[in-house]
Amino acid sequence: MHRLAEAVVEMSLMTEAEARKIIDPMLMTDPARMAAAIHAFRAGKAAKA
């Protein structure tokens, strides 16, 4: 896991699984795919709340 992912997990901002999905260097190079991943992440968070 990348250091950034480790940091967000330690700060309890994301679970390890969420961090692995969102904090992906290859994903971050594709704005459309990144936007879709963020949308899915937010929808998942909203559903759990």
Protein backbone atom coordinates (compact mmCIF):
# COMPACT_ATOMS: atom_id res chain seq x y z
CA MET A 1 0.00 0.00 0.00
CA HIS A 2 1.25 3.49 -0.81
CA ARG A 3 2.17 5.93 1.93
CA LEU A 4 -0.79 8.16 1.11
CA ALA A 5 -3.15 5.20 1.46
CA GLU A 6 -1.54 4.27 4.76
CA ALA A 7 -2.02 7.84 6.00
CA VAL A 8 -5.73 8.02 5.17
CA VAL A 9 -6.30 4.65 6.82
CA GLU A 10 -4.40 5.75 9.94
CA MET A 11 -6.49 8.94 10.04
CA SER A 12 -9.66 6.80 9.74
CA LEU A 13 -10.70 8.66 6.58
CA MET A 14 -11.01 5.42 4.60
CA THR A 15 -10.83 1.72 5.19
CA GLU A 16 -7.87 -0.15 3.76
CA ALA A 17 -10.07 -1.57 0.99
CA GLU A 18 -11.39 1.89 0.09
CA ALA A 19 -7.89 3.34 0.03
CA ARG A 20 -6.65 0.55 -2.25
CA LYS A 21 -9.44 1.33 -4.72
CA ILE A 22 -9.22 5.14 -4.71
CA ILE A 23 -5.52 5.79 -4.15
CA ASP A 24 -4.27 4.06 -7.26
CA PRO A 25 -1.62 5.92 -9.30
CA MET A 26 -2.88 4.50 -12.59
CA LEU A 27 -6.48 5.42 -11.76
CA MET A 28 -5.38 8.95 -10.90
CA THR A 29 -4.01 9.42 -14.43
CA ASP A 30 -7.48 9.03 -15.96
CA PRO A 31 -9.81 11.86 -14.91
CA ALA A 32 -12.98 10.12 -16.11
CA ARG A 33 -12.21 6.86 -14.31
CA MET A 34 -11.13 8.77 -11.20
CA ALA A 35 -14.36 10.77 -11.19
CA ALA A 36 -16.37 7.55 -11.47
CA ALA A 37 -14.39 5.97 -8.63
CA ILE A 38 -14.94 9.01 -6.39
CA HIS A 39 -18.65 8.99 -7.22
CA ALA A 40 -18.90 5.29 -6.31
CA PHE A 41 -16.92 5.89 -3.10
CA ARG A 42 -19.23 8.73 -2.04
CA ALA A 43 -22.34 6.71 -2.91
CA GLY A 44 -21.04 3.83 -0.80
CA LYS A 45 -20.36 6.15 2.13
CA ALA A 46 -23.84 7.70 1.84
CA ALA A 47 -25.46 4.26 1.78
CA LYS A 48 -23.66 3.29 4.99
CA ALA A 49 -24.68 6.48 6.81
